[in-house]
Amino acid sequence: MAVDNALPWRHLLSSLRLSPTGQAPAEDCQRCRESLPLFVSDEMAGQAVDDLYMETAVHLDLCPACFQEYEALAGLAYAALYDLGNDA
């Protein structure tokens, strides 16, 4: 019996497809947003987040709303780490 190695990829792609309105399914966005804190902290630590969080990385490429949330969270984390608000 031959094993279909493409099956996991088909599942991943079908779960990340955008709806006709251009918005990802709500449950995909929820999973993405739940993983964003670890995604951002690992990214800032130099980890290979595209490999560690492949589903999140792909979703961010496809979903403008989640990408905007990622940018905001990454900006806050960067500012907190480097204390950009402190002019002392």
PDB file of N, CA and C in Angstrom:
ATOM      1  N   MET A   1       0.845  -1.186   0.000  1.00  0.00           N
ATOM      2  CA  MET A   1       0.000   0.000   0.000  1.00  0.00           C
ATOM      3  C   MET A   1       0.889   1.248   0.000  1.00  0.00           C
ATOM      4  N   ALA A   2       0.678   2.132  -0.929  1.00  0.00           N
ATOM      5  CA  ALA A   2       1.468   3.359  -1.035  1.00  0.00           C
ATOM      6  C   ALA A   2       0.939   4.399  -0.050  1.00  0.00           C
ATOM      7  N   VAL A   3       1.866   5.087   0.574  1.00  0.00           N
ATOM      8  CA  VAL A   3       1.510   6.143   1.518  1.00  0.00           C
ATOM      9  C   VAL A   3       1.510   7.464   0.771  1.00  0.00           C
ATOM     10  N   ASP A   4       0.463   8.233   0.941  1.00  0.00           N
ATOM     11  CA  ASP A   4       0.364   9.540   0.294  1.00  0.00           C
ATOM     12  C   ASP A   4       1.059  10.575   1.176  1.00  0.00           C
ATOM     13  N   ASN A   5       2.318  10.897   0.849  1.00  0.00           N
ATOM     14  CA  ASN A   5       3.088  11.854   1.641  1.00  0.00           C
ATOM     15  C   ASN A   5       2.566  13.275   1.500  1.00  0.00           C
ATOM     16  N   ALA A   6       1.772  13.547   0.493  1.00  0.00           N
ATOM     17  CA  ALA A   6       1.256  14.903   0.271  1.00  0.00           C
ATOM     18  C   ALA A   6       0.038  15.194   1.142  1.00  0.00           C
ATOM     19  N   LEU A   7      -0.538  14.185   1.761  1.00  0.00           N
ATOM     20  CA  LEU A   7      -1.768  14.375   2.533  1.00  0.00           C
ATOM     21  C   LEU A   7      -1.644  15.437   3.619  1.00  0.00           C
ATOM     22  N   PRO A   8      -0.583  15.443   4.455  1.00  0.00           N
ATOM     23  CA  PRO A   8      -0.506  16.510   5.467  1.00  0.00           C
ATOM     24  C   PRO A   8      -0.470  17.898   4.849  1.00  0.00           C
ATOM     25  N   TRP A   9       0.198  18.045   3.711  1.00  0.00           N
ATOM     26  CA  TRP A   9       0.264  19.344   3.055  1.00  0.00           C
ATOM     27  C   TRP A   9      -1.094  19.758   2.523  1.00  0.00           C
ATOM     28  N   ARG A  10      -1.828  18.790   1.967  1.00  0.00           N
ATOM     29  CA  ARG A  10      -3.172  19.115   1.478  1.00  0.00           C
ATOM     30  C   ARG A  10      -4.054  19.584   2.623  1.00  0.00           C
ATOM     31  N   HIS A  11      -3.959  18.914   3.768  1.00  0.00           N
ATOM     32  CA  HIS A  11      -4.758  19.311   4.932  1.00  0.00           C
ATOM     33  C   HIS A  11      -4.372  20.714   5.387  1.00  0.00           C
ATOM     34  N   LEU A  12      -3.064  20.980   5.476  1.00  0.00           N
ATOM     35  CA  LEU A  12      -2.604  22.298   5.896  1.00  0.00           C
ATOM     36  C   LEU A  12      -3.097  23.381   4.948  1.00  0.00           C
ATOM     37  N   LEU A  13      -2.936  23.161   3.657  1.00  0.00           N
ATOM     38  CA  LEU A  13      -3.362  24.166   2.684  1.00  0.00           C
ATOM     39  C   LEU A  13      -4.863  24.378   2.695  1.00  0.00           C
ATOM     40  N   SER A  14      -5.628  23.297   2.817  1.00  0.00           N
ATOM     41  CA  SER A  14      -7.076  23.463   2.816  1.00  0.00           C
ATOM     42  C   SER A  14      -7.549  24.179   4.072  1.00  0.00           C
ATOM     43  N   SER A  15      -6.864  23.971   5.197  1.00  0.00           N
ATOM     44  CA  SER A  15      -7.286  24.634   6.431  1.00  0.00           C
ATOM     45  C   SER A  15      -6.891  26.102   6.438  1.00  0.00           C
ATOM     46  N   LEU A  16      -5.952  26.503   5.583  1.00  0.00           N
ATOM     47  CA  LEU A  16      -5.498  27.889   5.568  1.00  0.00           C
ATOM     48  C   LEU A  16      -6.056  28.703   4.411  1.00  0.00           C
ATOM     49  N   ARG A  17      -6.837  28.082   3.549  1.00  0.00           N
ATOM     50  CA  ARG A  17      -7.406  28.823   2.415  1.00  0.00           C
ATOM     51  C   ARG A  17      -8.306  29.949   2.900  1.00  0.00           C
ATOM     52  N   LEU A  18      -8.216  31.057   2.229  1.00  0.00           N
ATOM     53  CA  LEU A  18      -9.071  32.186   2.570  1.00  0.00           C
ATOM     54  C   LEU A  18     -10.471  31.962   2.016  1.00  0.00           C
ATOM     55  N   SER A  19     -11.426  32.500   2.701  1.00  0.00           N
ATOM     56  CA  SER A  19     -12.799  32.432   2.226  1.00  0.00           C
ATOM     57  C   SER A  19     -12.968  33.406   1.066  1.00  0.00           C
ATOM     58  N   PRO A  20     -14.090  33.342   0.346  1.00  0.00           N
ATOM     59  CA  PRO A  20     -14.318  34.278  -0.768  1.00  0.00           C
ATOM     60  C   PRO A  20     -14.288  35.744  -0.337  1.00  0.00           C
ATOM     61  N   THR A  21     -14.480  36.021   0.950  1.00  0.00           N
ATOM     62  CA  THR A  21     -14.443  37.399   1.428  1.00  0.00           C
ATOM     63  C   THR A  21     -13.016  37.875   1.661  1.00  0.00           C
ATOM     64  N   GLY A  22     -12.038  36.964   1.525  1.00  0.00           N
ATOM     65  CA  GLY A  22     -10.650  37.331   1.754  1.00  0.00           C
ATOM     66  C   GLY A  22     -10.231  37.178   3.194  1.00  0.00           C
ATOM     67  N   GLN A  23     -11.075  36.653   4.036  1.00  0.00           N
ATOM     68  CA  GLN A  23     -10.771  36.471   5.455  1.00  0.00           C
ATOM     69  C   GLN A  23     -10.622  34.991   5.754  1.00  0.00           C
ATOM     70  N   ALA A  24      -9.628  34.649   6.537  1.00  0.00           N
ATOM     71  CA  ALA A  24      -9.420  33.259   6.940  1.00  0.00           C
ATOM     72  C   ALA A  24     -10.540  32.833   7.887  1.00  0.00           C
ATOM     73  N   PRO A  25     -10.822  31.533   7.956  1.00  0.00           N
ATOM     74  CA  PRO A  25     -11.836  31.048   8.908  1.00  0.00           C
ATOM     75  C   PRO A  25     -11.473  31.460  10.332  1.00  0.00           C
ATOM     76  N   ALA A  26     -12.469  31.786  11.123  1.00  0.00           N
ATOM     77  CA  ALA A  26     -12.265  32.310  12.475  1.00  0.00           C
ATOM     78  C   ALA A  26     -11.439  31.370  13.344  1.00  0.00           C
ATOM     79  N   GLU A  27     -11.659  30.058  13.221  1.00  0.00           N
ATOM     80  CA  GLU A  27     -10.897  29.128  14.067  1.00  0.00           C
ATOM     81  C   GLU A  27      -9.418  29.130  13.696  1.00  0.00           C
ATOM     82  N   ASP A  28      -9.071  29.365  12.436  1.00  0.00           N
ATOM     83  CA  ASP A  28      -7.669  29.468  12.037  1.00  0.00           C
ATOM     84  C   ASP A  28      -7.045  30.726  12.631  1.00  0.00           C
ATOM     85  N   CYS A  29      -7.784  31.814  12.612  1.00  0.00           N
ATOM     86  CA  CYS A  29      -7.296  33.062  13.199  1.00  0.00           C
ATOM     87  C   CYS A  29      -7.117  32.909  14.706  1.00  0.00           C
ATOM     88  N   GLN A  30      -8.031  32.231  15.355  1.00  0.00           N
ATOM     89  CA  GLN A  30      -7.937  32.023  16.808  1.00  0.00           C
ATOM     90  C   GLN A  30      -6.675  31.235  17.151  1.00  0.00           C
ATOM     91  N   ARG A  31      -6.417  30.149  16.420  1.00  0.00           N
ATOM     92  CA  ARG A  31      -5.206  29.348  16.669  1.00  0.00           C
ATOM     93  C   ARG A  31      -3.953  30.188  16.423  1.00  0.00           C
ATOM     94  N   CYS A  32      -3.971  30.983  15.368  1.00  0.00           N
ATOM     95  CA  CYS A  32      -2.829  31.832  15.052  1.00  0.00           C
ATOM     96  C   CYS A  32      -2.587  32.830  16.179  1.00  0.00           C
ATOM     97  N   ARG A  33      -3.622  33.503  16.598  1.00  0.00           N
ATOM     98  CA  ARG A  33      -3.475  34.529  17.641  1.00  0.00           C
ATOM     99  C   ARG A  33      -3.035  33.926  18.969  1.00  0.00           C
ATOM    100  N   GLU A  34      -3.458  32.706  19.257  1.00  0.00           N
ATOM    101  CA  GLU A  34      -3.025  32.044  20.490  1.00  0.00           C
ATOM    102  C   GLU A  34      -1.536  31.720  20.454  1.00  0.00           C
ATOM    103  N   SER A  35      -0.993  31.483  19.267  1.00  0.00           N
ATOM    104  CA  SER A  35       0.420  31.127  19.159  1.00  0.00           C
ATOM    105  C   SER A  35       1.329  32.345  18.999  1.00  0.00           C
ATOM    106  N   LEU A  36       0.762  33.519  18.778  1.00  0.00           N
ATOM    107  CA  LEU A  36       1.582  34.699  18.501  1.00  0.00           C
ATOM    108  C   LEU A  36       2.563  35.073  19.616  1.00  0.00           C
ATOM    109  N   PRO A  37       2.192  35.024  20.893  1.00  0.00           N
ATOM    110  CA  PRO A  37       3.192  35.392  21.914  1.00  0.00           C
ATOM    111  C   PRO A  37       4.455  34.533  21.856  1.00  0.00           C
ATOM    112  N   LEU A  38       4.300  33.214  21.730  1.00  0.00           N
ATOM    113  CA  LEU A  38       5.470  32.344  21.617  1.00  0.00           C
ATOM    114  C   LEU A  38       6.188  32.563  20.293  1.00  0.00           C
ATOM    115  N   PHE A  39       5.433  32.740  19.228  1.00  0.00           N
ATOM    116  CA  PHE A  39       6.010  32.986  17.903  1.00  0.00           C
ATOM    117  C   PHE A  39       6.919  34.210  17.956  1.00  0.00           C
ATOM    118  N   VAL A  40       6.417  35.302  18.525  1.00  0.00           N
ATOM    119  CA  VAL A  40       7.181  36.549  18.586  1.00  0.00           C
ATOM    120  C   VAL A  40       8.389  36.402  19.510  1.00  0.00           C
ATOM    121  N   SER A  41       8.207  35.806  20.685  1.00  0.00           N
ATOM    122  CA  SER A  41       9.346  35.692  21.607  1.00  0.00           C
ATOM    123  C   SER A  41      10.422  34.773  21.042  1.00  0.00           C
ATOM    124  N   ASP A  42      10.027  33.682  20.411  1.00  0.00           N
ATOM    125  CA  ASP A  42      11.012  32.797  19.796  1.00  0.00           C
ATOM    126  C   ASP A  42      11.688  33.466  18.609  1.00  0.00           C
ATOM    127  N   GLU A  43      10.936  34.241  17.853  1.00  0.00           N
ATOM    128  CA  GLU A  43      11.520  34.971  16.726  1.00  0.00           C
ATOM    129  C   GLU A  43      12.560  35.971  17.225  1.00  0.00           C
ATOM    130  N   MET A  44      12.243  36.673  18.297  1.00  0.00           N
ATOM    131  CA  MET A  44      13.181  37.642  18.853  1.00  0.00           C
ATOM    132  C   MET A  44      14.413  36.958  19.444  1.00  0.00           C
ATOM    133  N   ALA A  45      14.264  35.703  19.852  1.00  0.00           N
ATOM    134  CA  ALA A  45      15.389  34.937  20.394  1.00  0.00           C
ATOM    135  C   ALA A  45      16.223  34.293  19.291  1.00  0.00           C
ATOM    136  N   GLY A  46      15.832  34.516  18.042  1.00  0.00           N
ATOM    137  CA  GLY A  46      16.600  33.997  16.924  1.00  0.00           C
ATOM    138  C   GLY A  46      16.238  32.585  16.498  1.00  0.00           C
ATOM    139  N   GLN A  47      15.113  32.077  16.989  1.00  0.00           N
ATOM    140  CA  GLN A  47      14.673  30.745  16.608  1.00  0.00           C
ATOM    141  C   GLN A  47      14.108  30.751  15.192  1.00  0.00           C
ATOM    142  N   ALA A  48      14.116  29.595  14.556  1.00  0.00           N
ATOM    143  CA  ALA A  48      13.581  29.448  13.192  1.00  0.00           C
ATOM    144  C   ALA A  48      12.066  29.261  13.270  1.00  0.00           C
ATOM    145  N   VAL A  49      11.343  30.369  13.460  1.00  0.00           N
ATOM    146  CA  VAL A  49       9.901  30.281  13.688  1.00  0.00           C
ATOM    147  C   VAL A  49       9.138  29.771  12.468  1.00  0.00           C
ATOM    148  N   ASP A  50       9.673  29.974  11.277  1.00  0.00           N
ATOM    149  CA  ASP A  50       8.990  29.444  10.088  1.00  0.00           C
ATOM    150  C   ASP A  50       8.944  27.923  10.130  1.00  0.00           C
ATOM    151  N   ASP A  51       9.928  27.305  10.768  1.00  0.00           N
ATOM    152  CA  ASP A  51       9.940  25.854  10.922  1.00  0.00           C
ATOM    153  C   ASP A  51       9.206  25.411  12.184  1.00  0.00           C
ATOM    154  N   LEU A  52       9.424  26.134  13.276  1.00  0.00           N
ATOM    155  CA  LEU A  52       8.805  25.766  14.557  1.00  0.00           C
ATOM    156  C   LEU A  52       7.296  25.962  14.557  1.00  0.00           C
ATOM    157  N   TYR A  53       6.843  27.012  13.903  1.00  0.00           N
ATOM    158  CA  TYR A  53       5.425  27.375  13.879  1.00  0.00           C
ATOM    159  C   TYR A  53       4.975  27.514  12.433  1.00  0.00           C
ATOM    160  N   MET A  54       5.136  26.466  11.658  1.00  0.00           N
ATOM    161  CA  MET A  54       4.871  26.535  10.223  1.00  0.00           C
ATOM    162  C   MET A  54       3.434  26.979   9.931  1.00  0.00           C
ATOM    163  N   GLU A  55       2.463  26.436  10.621  1.00  0.00           N
ATOM    164  CA  GLU A  55       1.068  26.792  10.362  1.00  0.00           C
ATOM    165  C   GLU A  55       0.825  28.274  10.652  1.00  0.00           C
ATOM    166  N   THR A  56       1.402  28.768  11.736  1.00  0.00           N
ATOM    167  CA  THR A  56       1.249  30.185  12.077  1.00  0.00           C
ATOM    168  C   THR A  56       1.929  31.064  11.040  1.00  0.00           C
ATOM    169  N   ALA A  57       3.135  30.694  10.632  1.00  0.00           N
ATOM    170  CA  ALA A  57       3.870  31.490   9.643  1.00  0.00           C
ATOM    171  C   ALA A  57       3.114  31.571   8.324  1.00  0.00           C
ATOM    172  N   VAL A  58       2.580  30.458   7.873  1.00  0.00           N
ATOM    173  CA  VAL A  58       1.820  30.442   6.622  1.00  0.00           C
ATOM    174  C   VAL A  58       0.543  31.269   6.778  1.00  0.00           C
ATOM    175  N   HIS A  59      -0.128  31.118   7.914  1.00  0.00           N
ATOM    176  CA  HIS A  59      -1.363  31.873   8.151  1.00  0.00           C
ATOM    177  C   HIS A  59      -1.071  33.377   8.129  1.00  0.00           C
ATOM    178  N   LEU A  60       0.029  33.791   8.741  1.00  0.00           N
ATOM    179  CA  LEU A  60       0.379  35.211   8.742  1.00  0.00           C
ATOM    180  C   LEU A  60       0.628  35.731   7.331  1.00  0.00           C
ATOM    181  N   ASP A  61       1.136  34.871   6.458  1.00  0.00           N
ATOM    182  CA  ASP A  61       1.339  35.267   5.060  1.00  0.00           C
ATOM    183  C   ASP A  61       0.022  35.444   4.317  1.00  0.00           C
ATOM    184  N   LEU A  62      -1.023  34.763   4.788  1.00  0.00           N
ATOM    185  CA  LEU A  62      -2.303  34.764   4.076  1.00  0.00           C
ATOM    186  C   LEU A  62      -3.362  35.681   4.679  1.00  0.00           C
ATOM    187  N   CYS A  63      -3.223  36.024   5.948  1.00  0.00           N
ATOM    188  CA  CYS A  63      -4.296  36.739   6.656  1.00  0.00           C
ATOM    189  C   CYS A  63      -3.825  38.125   7.103  1.00  0.00           C
ATOM    190  N   PRO A  64      -4.288  39.168   6.431  1.00  0.00           N
ATOM    191  CA  PRO A  64      -3.864  40.526   6.785  1.00  0.00           C
ATOM    192  C   PRO A  64      -4.235  40.922   8.223  1.00  0.00           C
ATOM    193  N   ALA A  65      -5.370  40.466   8.721  1.00  0.00           N
ATOM    194  CA  ALA A  65      -5.787  40.834  10.078  1.00  0.00           C
ATOM    195  C   ALA A  65      -4.843  40.245  11.121  1.00  0.00           C
ATOM    196  N   CYS A  66      -4.478  38.983  10.964  1.00  0.00           N
ATOM    197  CA  CYS A  66      -3.557  38.355  11.912  1.00  0.00           C
ATOM    198  C   CYS A  66      -2.155  38.929  11.764  1.00  0.00           C
ATOM    199  N   PHE A  67      -1.752  39.244  10.536  1.00  0.00           N
ATOM    200  CA  PHE A  67      -0.439  39.840  10.333  1.00  0.00           C
ATOM    201  C   PHE A  67      -0.363  41.202  11.021  1.00  0.00           C
ATOM    202  N   GLN A  68      -1.444  41.949  10.970  1.00  0.00           N
ATOM    203  CA  GLN A  68      -1.478  43.253  11.637  1.00  0.00           C
ATOM    204  C   GLN A  68      -1.339  43.069  13.150  1.00  0.00           C
ATOM    205  N   GLU A  69      -1.981  42.048  13.698  1.00  0.00           N
ATOM    206  CA  GLU A  69      -1.854  41.772  15.131  1.00  0.00           C
ATOM    207  C   GLU A  69      -0.423  41.335  15.469  1.00  0.00           C
ATOM    208  N   TYR A  70       0.177  40.525  14.592  1.00  0.00           N
ATOM    209  CA  TYR A  70       1.574  40.117  14.773  1.00  0.00           C
ATOM    210  C   TYR A  70       2.480  41.345  14.814  1.00  0.00           C
ATOM    211  N   GLU A  71       2.299  42.275  13.869  1.00  0.00           N
ATOM    212  CA  GLU A  71       3.136  43.475  13.822  1.00  0.00           C
ATOM    213  C   GLU A  71       2.999  44.295  15.108  1.00  0.00           C
ATOM    214  N   ALA A  72       1.779  44.414  15.603  1.00  0.00           N
ATOM    215  CA  ALA A  72       1.554  45.180  16.826  1.00  0.00           C
ATOM    216  C   ALA A  72       2.233  44.502  18.015  1.00  0.00           C
ATOM    217  N   LEU A  73       2.065  43.194  18.139  1.00  0.00           N
ATOM    218  CA  LEU A  73       2.664  42.462  19.253  1.00  0.00           C
ATOM    219  C   LEU A  73       4.190  42.491  19.166  1.00  0.00           C
ATOM    220  N   ALA A  74       4.731  42.307  17.969  1.00  0.00           N
ATOM    221  CA  ALA A  74       6.182  42.345  17.788  1.00  0.00           C
ATOM    222  C   ALA A  74       6.725  43.739  18.120  1.00  0.00           C
ATOM    223  N   GLY A  75       5.994  44.769  17.733  1.00  0.00           N
ATOM    224  CA  GLY A  75       6.408  46.136  18.049  1.00  0.00           C
ATOM    225  C   GLY A  75       6.426  46.393  19.543  1.00  0.00           C
ATOM    226  N   LEU A  76       5.405  45.913  20.243  1.00  0.00           N
ATOM    227  CA  LEU A  76       5.354  46.070  21.699  1.00  0.00           C
ATOM    228  C   LEU A  76       6.478  45.298  22.373  1.00  0.00           C
ATOM    229  N   ALA A  77       6.727  44.074  21.918  1.00  0.00           N
ATOM    230  CA  ALA A  77       7.780  43.252  22.506  1.00  0.00           C
ATOM    231  C   ALA A  77       9.150  43.895  22.280  1.00  0.00           C
ATOM    232  N   TYR A  78       9.374  44.396  21.092  1.00  0.00           N
ATOM    233  CA  TYR A  78      10.636  45.058  20.779  1.00  0.00           C
ATOM    234  C   TYR A  78      10.813  46.301  21.649  1.00  0.00           C
ATOM    235  N   ALA A  79       9.758  47.099  21.770  1.00  0.00           N
ATOM    236  CA  ALA A  79       9.827  48.312  22.585  1.00  0.00           C
ATOM    237  C   ALA A  79      10.081  47.968  24.046  1.00  0.00           C
ATOM    238  N   ALA A  80       9.441  46.927  24.554  1.00  0.00           N
ATOM    239  CA  ALA A  80       9.641  46.522  25.949  1.00  0.00           C
ATOM    240  C   ALA A  80      11.056  45.997  26.163  1.00  0.00           C
ATOM    241  N   LEU A  81      11.552  45.216  25.213  1.00  0.00           N
ATOM    242  CA  LEU A  81      12.888  44.632  25.347  1.00  0.00           C
ATOM    243  C   LEU A  81      13.967  45.708  25.323  1.00  0.00           C
ATOM    244  N   TYR A  82      13.795  46.653  24.450  1.00  0.00           N
ATOM    245  CA  TYR A  82      14.812  47.689  24.300  1.00  0.00           C
ATOM    246  C   TYR A  82      14.445  48.991  24.992  1.00  0.00           C
ATOM    247  N   ASP A  83      13.351  48.964  25.761  1.00  0.00           N
ATOM    248  CA  ASP A  83      12.900  50.099  26.560  1.00  0.00           C
ATOM    249  C   ASP A  83      12.930  51.400  25.767  1.00  0.00           C
ATOM    250  N   LEU A  84      12.261  51.363  24.627  1.00  0.00           N
ATOM    251  CA  LEU A  84      12.270  52.514  23.726  1.00  0.00           C
ATOM    252  C   LEU A  84      11.531  53.718  24.287  1.00  0.00           C
ATOM    253  N   GLY A  85      10.695  53.505  25.282  1.00  0.00           N
ATOM    254  CA  GLY A  85       9.959  54.625  25.849  1.00  0.00           C
ATOM    255  C   GLY A  85      10.741  55.381  26.892  1.00  0.00           C
ATOM    256  N   ASN A  86      11.936  54.902  27.246  1.00  0.00           N
ATOM    257  CA  ASN A  86      12.732  55.528  28.290  1.00  0.00           C
ATOM    258  C   ASN A  86      13.744  56.476  27.660  1.00  0.00           C
ATOM    259  N   ASP A  87      13.578  57.776  27.909  1.00  0.00           N
ATOM    260  CA  ASP A  87      14.487  58.781  27.332  1.00  0.00           C
ATOM    261  C   ASP A  87      15.609  59.152  28.294  1.00  0.00           C
ATOM    262  N   ALA A  88      15.745  58.432  29.385  1.00  0.00           N
ATOM    263  CA  ALA A  88      16.749  58.779  30.408  1.00  0.00           C
ATOM    264  C   ALA A  88      18.161  58.519  29.958  1.00  0.00           C
TER     265      ALA A  88
END
